[in-house]
Structure formats: structure tokens, C-alpha cells
Amino acid sequence: MKRLFRILLILPVLYLFIMPVWILSLTNTRLCSNIMVSIADSSEYHFVTKRQLSNIVMYSDGRVLGQPVRDVSAFDIENRINVLRELKVAEVYMSIDGTLHVYADQRNPVMRVIPDEGGDFFVDEDGVVMRKRNLYTPRLHVVGGNITISQAMLNGISILDTAIKNSILKDIFQLVVYTSNKSFWSAQIDQIYVDGDNEIDLIPRVGNHLIHLGTIENYEGKLRNLAAFYEKVLPEVGWNKYSLINLEFKDQIVCRKR
């Protein structure tokens, strides 16, 4: 009876040790028969496509389809895909049925940056800069003017990182996040321009005027004053009466007539 009891205890332990080895052996000898690519939020953003990711897999060292699973390096393929700055994360793994799974999560852009010195970029919610590589352009605040995209930014260091010194983009990012979360300002502010003195101009969608914000200091108060001006003054005098609305001075608005 004791011997039977011991056998019954040993069998589950042997099962736990033997089954993983058997499954691994079975998987390694199986051929890679399929590639499954999934992109999160692919209907909202189109920075990368399933075909693009499939091509990276297919043109990895050696053939993938038809190869034994043990000869397909998911780690190497994942590293190749992670080179794409447009992706926040990429994961590659092989399932027991011989399917190579590729999962990618695209970055969430918050603004488009077109510096005077040239180039076209997106900045995501984490402050990571990525080049605009295709024709797809989501509707975002467009930032232009006296802006420098450094090599450190292009290498993946966030504009919010302490390693990025004195970047006007940090101020612009702060402003864009604020306006994006306010339905009125998100709809009203179309473009943001940085002049040669690193001061900020806003170009609205409604009204044929320029808004001079000045520095980022007290930008929330400045925008509150502008909102009151929009509500109480412009409906009386007309939206096209002024060519410039200057918010840079504390607690006052200075306008230039057209």
C-alpha cells in the first residue's frame, strides 16, 4: 500500500518534468508553417503596416517558413523590428503549432514638427521623436519655426529627458498636451510657430489673426484671458478686426488693428 502511495506521488512529479521536455522537443522539430502579424490600433494610425513587418520577418537571415522552429530566432527578428522608431513595443514568439507571432504597438503621436532647418517629424506622448516616413499624416498640432531636432532625439532619447538641455520642444510639448485635453483649444489652435527669439505664436483655425503667446510662462493664464477675449470682445468687433493678439504681457491683451 505504501509502495502504491509512493508511486502515485512520483507520477505527477515525473509528469511535470517530462512533459515540458517532450513539448519542447516536439515544438523544435516542427516546421514554421505560418506568420501571424498583429498591430495594435492599426485602424487609428498607419505608421507601419502588416506587409512591412512581414517583409522584415521574411527577409531575415535565411528562410523562415518551412524551417524547423529551432532554427528560427524570434529574438533576432524582434530586434530587427524594434529598430522601427514608430513602434513603442514589438514582441515576436513561436507558438506550439509552428506559427511565428509578431505583435507590434504603435506610438501615439501628439504633434508634428517641421523645423525651418528642414525635416518632418512626429513626437509621441512619451516625447520620443520619429521621422515622418510615409504619406500618412494624422491630424495633429503642427509645430514649425526655430526648432532643432538633435541627434540625441533621433537616437530615441525623449525630449522630456534631463539629457536634453534647453529645448523649446519641451515647452511646446507641455503646451500641446494642455491644449489637446481642452476641447475648445484643441479645435481652435491649428499651428504653433517658434520665432527667432524662442517665443511662441499660435495660428488659429477660426479668425484671421496671429496669437503671440510669448514665452511658455503662465500659458494657462494667458489662454484663459484669450478665451474671455474671444467670448466678450470679438463677437462685438468682429473676428477679423485684429491682425495680432498679443498675450505676452501679464494680465492684459494688446491687439493690433488690421
Protein backbone atom coordinates (compact mmCIF):
# COMPACT_ATOMS: atom_id res chain seq x y z
CA MET A 1 0.00 0.00 0.00
CA LYS A 2 2.83 2.36 0.87
CA ARG A 3 4.60 1.48 -2.38
CA LEU A 4 1.44 2.32 -4.37
CA PHE A 5 1.11 5.57 -2.49
CA ARG A 6 4.73 6.49 -3.33
CA ILE A 7 4.18 5.66 -7.00
CA LEU A 8 1.10 7.87 -7.07
CA LEU A 9 3.16 10.70 -5.59
CA ILE A 10 6.06 10.23 -8.03
CA LEU A 11 3.94 10.10 -11.20
CA PRO A 12 2.75 13.78 -11.06
CA VAL A 13 6.33 14.88 -10.35
CA LEU A 14 7.62 12.93 -13.35
CA TYR A 15 4.82 14.38 -15.46
CA LEU A 16 5.78 17.92 -14.51
CA PHE A 17 9.40 17.30 -15.51
CA ILE A 18 8.90 15.15 -18.60
CA MET A 19 6.02 16.99 -20.29
CA PRO A 20 7.83 20.33 -20.81
CA VAL A 21 10.83 18.49 -22.27
CA TRP A 22 8.60 16.46 -24.56
CA ILE A 23 6.64 19.54 -25.68
CA LEU A 24 9.88 21.47 -26.31
CA SER A 25 11.29 18.59 -28.34
CA LEU A 26 8.08 18.32 -30.34
CA THR A 27 7.99 22.08 -30.97
CA ASN A 28 11.63 22.31 -32.02
CA THR A 29 11.23 19.64 -34.67
CA ARG A 30 8.03 21.17 -36.03
CA LEU A 31 8.33 23.37 -39.13
CA CYS A 32 7.41 27.04 -39.09
CA SER A 33 4.19 26.96 -41.08
CA ASN A 34 2.67 30.42 -40.67
CA ILE A 35 3.40 34.06 -39.77
CA MET A 36 0.76 35.98 -37.84
CA VAL A 37 1.19 39.78 -37.59
CA SER A 38 -0.92 41.88 -35.22
CA ILE A 39 -0.68 45.67 -34.90
CA ALA A 40 -2.40 47.45 -32.03
CA ASP A 41 -4.52 50.46 -33.05
CA SER A 42 -3.84 49.76 -36.72
CA SER A 43 -7.17 51.35 -37.64
CA GLU A 44 -6.20 54.65 -35.98
CA TYR A 45 -2.57 55.03 -37.02
CA HIS A 46 -0.79 53.77 -40.11
CA PHE A 47 2.87 54.33 -39.35
CA VAL A 48 3.71 50.69 -40.07
CA THR A 49 1.80 48.03 -41.98
CA LYS A 50 1.45 44.29 -41.65
CA ARG A 51 3.18 43.89 -45.01
CA GLN A 52 6.14 45.95 -43.79
CA LEU A 53 6.55 43.79 -40.69
CA SER A 54 6.04 40.58 -42.69
CA ASN A 55 8.80 41.68 -45.07
CA ILE A 56 11.18 42.20 -42.16
CA VAL A 57 10.42 38.65 -41.00
CA MET A 58 10.66 37.11 -44.46
CA TYR A 59 13.95 38.81 -45.27
CA SER A 60 15.63 37.82 -42.04
CA ASP A 61 18.73 35.64 -42.29
CA GLY A 62 17.60 32.52 -44.07
CA ARG A 63 14.08 31.40 -44.84
CA VAL A 64 11.50 31.40 -42.07
CA LEU A 65 8.54 29.48 -43.48
CA GLY A 66 9.31 25.81 -43.78
CA GLN A 67 12.28 25.95 -41.42
CA PRO A 68 12.44 23.94 -38.18
CA VAL A 69 11.27 26.06 -35.28
CA ARG A 70 14.64 25.59 -33.55
CA ASP A 71 16.36 27.36 -36.48
CA VAL A 72 14.13 30.45 -36.36
CA SER A 73 15.41 33.10 -33.93
CA ALA A 74 12.44 35.07 -32.64
CA PHE A 75 14.90 37.17 -30.62
CA ASP A 76 16.82 38.32 -33.72
CA ILE A 77 13.63 39.08 -35.63
CA GLU A 78 12.28 41.07 -32.69
CA ASN A 79 15.47 43.14 -32.58
CA ARG A 80 15.14 43.94 -36.30
CA ILE A 81 11.55 45.09 -35.85
CA ASN A 82 12.37 47.18 -32.78
CA VAL A 83 14.63 49.33 -34.95
CA LEU A 84 11.44 50.98 -36.23
CA ARG A 85 11.07 54.12 -34.11
CA GLU A 86 7.35 54.21 -34.94
CA LEU A 87 6.79 51.23 -32.64
CA LYS A 88 6.53 51.55 -28.90
CA VAL A 89 6.95 47.82 -28.42
CA ALA A 90 7.39 44.75 -30.59
CA GLU A 91 7.20 41.13 -29.47
CA VAL A 92 7.97 38.02 -31.51
CA TYR A 93 7.36 34.46 -30.33
CA MET A 94 6.68 30.98 -31.70
CA SER A 95 3.57 29.06 -30.67
CA ILE A 96 3.43 25.29 -30.31
CA ASP A 97 1.65 24.87 -33.67
CA GLY A 98 4.62 26.35 -35.57
CA THR A 99 3.16 29.83 -36.05
CA LEU A 100 5.51 32.78 -35.69
CA HIS A 101 3.61 35.57 -33.96
CA VAL A 102 4.58 39.24 -34.39
CA TYR A 103 2.85 41.76 -32.12
CA ALA A 104 3.51 45.49 -32.50
CA ASP A 105 2.16 48.50 -30.64
CA GLN A 106 2.49 51.81 -32.49
CA ARG A 107 3.44 55.07 -30.82
CA ASN A 108 0.72 57.61 -30.10
CA PRO A 109 1.75 60.92 -31.73
CA VAL A 110 0.72 64.23 -30.15
CA MET A 111 2.32 66.74 -32.54
CA ARG A 112 4.01 67.09 -35.90
CA VAL A 113 7.24 69.12 -36.08
CA ILE A 114 8.52 70.80 -39.26
CA PRO A 115 11.65 72.85 -38.38
CA ASP A 116 12.81 75.74 -40.55
CA GLU A 117 16.12 73.93 -40.94
CA GLY A 118 14.35 71.04 -42.68
CA GLY A 119 12.86 67.68 -41.90
CA ASP A 120 9.45 66.37 -40.92
CA PHE A 121 8.88 64.57 -37.60
CA PHE A 122 6.28 63.31 -35.16
CA VAL A 123 6.60 63.46 -31.37
CA ASP A 124 4.69 60.87 -29.35
CA GLU A 125 3.08 61.04 -25.90
CA ASP A 126 6.38 59.99 -24.28
CA GLY A 127 8.33 62.74 -26.02
CA VAL A 128 10.01 60.35 -28.48
CA VAL A 129 10.82 61.83 -31.90
CA MET A 130 10.29 59.81 -35.07
CA ARG A 131 10.77 60.76 -38.69
CA LYS A 132 7.76 61.05 -40.98
CA ARG A 133 8.41 58.24 -43.44
CA ASN A 134 5.22 57.86 -45.45
CA LEU A 135 2.26 59.80 -46.80
CA TYR A 136 0.08 59.09 -43.79
CA THR A 137 -0.44 62.20 -41.65
CA PRO A 138 -2.74 62.10 -38.61
CA ARG A 139 -4.48 65.34 -37.66
CA LEU A 140 -2.21 66.91 -35.05
CA HIS A 141 -0.96 70.30 -33.94
CA VAL A 142 1.74 71.34 -36.43
CA VAL A 143 4.82 72.95 -34.89
CA GLY A 144 7.27 74.91 -37.05
CA GLY A 145 9.92 77.59 -36.93
CA ASN A 146 13.13 77.88 -34.93
CA ILE A 147 13.32 74.29 -33.70
CA THR A 148 16.33 71.98 -33.60
CA ILE A 149 15.98 68.21 -33.70
CA SER A 150 19.22 66.94 -32.16
CA GLN A 151 20.96 63.66 -32.90
CA ALA A 152 20.17 62.53 -29.35
CA MET A 153 16.45 62.93 -30.10
CA LEU A 154 16.84 60.99 -33.34
CA ASN A 155 18.58 58.25 -31.36
CA GLY A 156 15.47 57.80 -29.24
CA ILE A 157 16.12 59.99 -26.19
CA SER A 158 12.85 61.66 -25.18
CA ILE A 159 12.65 65.44 -25.42
CA LEU A 160 11.49 65.25 -21.78
CA ASP A 161 14.72 63.57 -20.68
CA THR A 162 17.04 65.62 -18.49
CA ALA A 163 19.81 64.91 -21.01
CA ILE A 164 18.03 67.22 -23.47
CA LYS A 165 19.03 70.73 -22.41
CA ASN A 166 17.19 73.99 -23.12
CA SER A 167 14.92 72.59 -25.80
CA ILE A 168 11.96 74.76 -26.77
CA LEU A 169 10.28 71.49 -27.74
CA LYS A 170 9.79 70.71 -24.03
CA ASP A 171 7.78 73.91 -23.67
CA ILE A 172 5.82 73.22 -26.86
CA PHE A 173 5.12 69.65 -25.73
CA GLN A 174 3.72 70.95 -22.43
CA LEU A 175 1.51 73.41 -24.32
CA VAL A 176 0.28 70.81 -26.83
CA VAL A 177 -0.63 68.31 -24.11
CA TYR A 178 -2.62 71.04 -22.35
CA THR A 179 -4.48 72.24 -25.46
CA SER A 180 -5.15 68.69 -26.64
CA ASN A 181 -7.01 67.98 -23.40
CA LYS A 182 -9.19 71.08 -23.79
CA SER A 183 -11.84 70.60 -26.46
CA PHE A 184 -12.03 74.30 -27.37
CA TRP A 185 -8.29 74.83 -27.73
CA SER A 186 -7.80 71.50 -29.45
CA ALA A 187 -10.28 72.62 -32.12
CA GLN A 188 -9.12 76.25 -32.29
CA ILE A 189 -5.31 76.01 -32.33
CA ASP A 190 -4.12 74.80 -35.71
CA GLN A 191 -0.38 75.57 -35.82
CA ILE A 192 2.34 76.64 -33.40
CA TYR A 193 5.33 78.66 -34.56
CA VAL A 194 8.59 79.39 -32.71
CA ASP A 195 10.23 82.67 -33.73
CA GLY A 196 13.91 83.61 -33.67
CA ASP A 197 13.67 84.71 -30.02
CA ASN A 198 12.25 81.33 -28.95
CA GLU A 199 8.85 82.91 -28.36
CA ILE A 200 5.64 81.18 -29.35
CA ASP A 201 2.99 82.20 -31.87
CA LEU A 202 -0.32 80.38 -32.26
CA ILE A 203 -2.20 80.20 -35.56
CA PRO A 204 -5.92 79.61 -35.01
CA ARG A 205 -8.38 77.79 -37.25
CA VAL A 206 -11.06 80.47 -36.79
CA GLY A 207 -10.19 84.15 -37.17
CA ASN A 208 -7.70 85.80 -39.48
CA HIS A 209 -5.24 86.82 -36.78
CA LEU A 210 -1.99 85.72 -35.16
CA ILE A 211 -1.81 85.00 -31.43
CA HIS A 212 1.51 85.90 -29.82
CA LEU A 213 1.86 83.82 -26.64
CA GLY A 214 5.43 84.91 -25.88
CA THR A 215 7.22 82.52 -23.54
CA ILE A 216 5.60 79.44 -22.04
CA GLU A 217 5.42 81.17 -18.65
CA ASN A 218 1.85 81.32 -17.30
CA TYR A 219 0.48 79.93 -20.57
CA GLU A 220 -2.68 78.69 -18.83
CA GLY A 221 -3.49 82.19 -17.56
CA LYS A 222 -2.76 83.66 -20.99
CA LEU A 223 -5.13 81.23 -22.65
CA ARG A 224 -7.83 81.94 -20.07
CA ASN A 225 -7.53 85.65 -20.88
CA LEU A 226 -7.75 84.85 -24.59
CA ALA A 227 -10.84 82.71 -24.04
CA ALA A 228 -12.53 85.64 -22.26
CA PHE A 229 -11.47 87.95 -25.10
CA TYR A 230 -12.95 85.55 -27.64
CA GLU A 231 -16.20 85.36 -25.69
CA LYS A 232 -16.75 89.04 -24.85
CA VAL A 233 -14.85 91.20 -27.35
CA LEU A 234 -14.54 89.55 -30.76
CA PRO A 235 -18.29 88.87 -31.17
CA GLU A 236 -18.79 92.65 -30.80
CA VAL A 237 -15.99 93.94 -33.05
CA GLY A 238 -15.69 91.03 -35.47
CA TRP A 239 -13.23 88.14 -35.74
CA ASN A 240 -11.21 89.83 -38.47
CA LYS A 241 -10.75 93.26 -36.85
CA TYR A 242 -7.28 92.49 -35.47
CA SER A 243 -4.21 91.10 -37.21
CA LEU A 244 -2.35 90.38 -33.95
CA ILE A 245 -3.49 89.43 -30.45
CA ASN A 246 -0.57 89.72 -28.05
CA LEU A 247 -0.75 87.77 -24.77
CA GLU A 248 2.84 88.15 -23.58
CA PHE A 249 2.14 90.91 -21.03
CA LYS A 250 0.79 89.96 -17.61
CA ASP A 251 -2.97 90.22 -17.18
CA GLN A 252 -3.54 92.21 -20.36
CA ILE A 253 -4.13 91.71 -24.05
CA VAL A 254 -2.64 94.07 -26.62
CA CYS A 255 -4.14 94.00 -30.10
CA ARG A 256 -3.05 95.39 -33.45
CA LYS A 257 -5.81 96.51 -35.80
CA ARG A 258 -5.81 95.20 -39.31
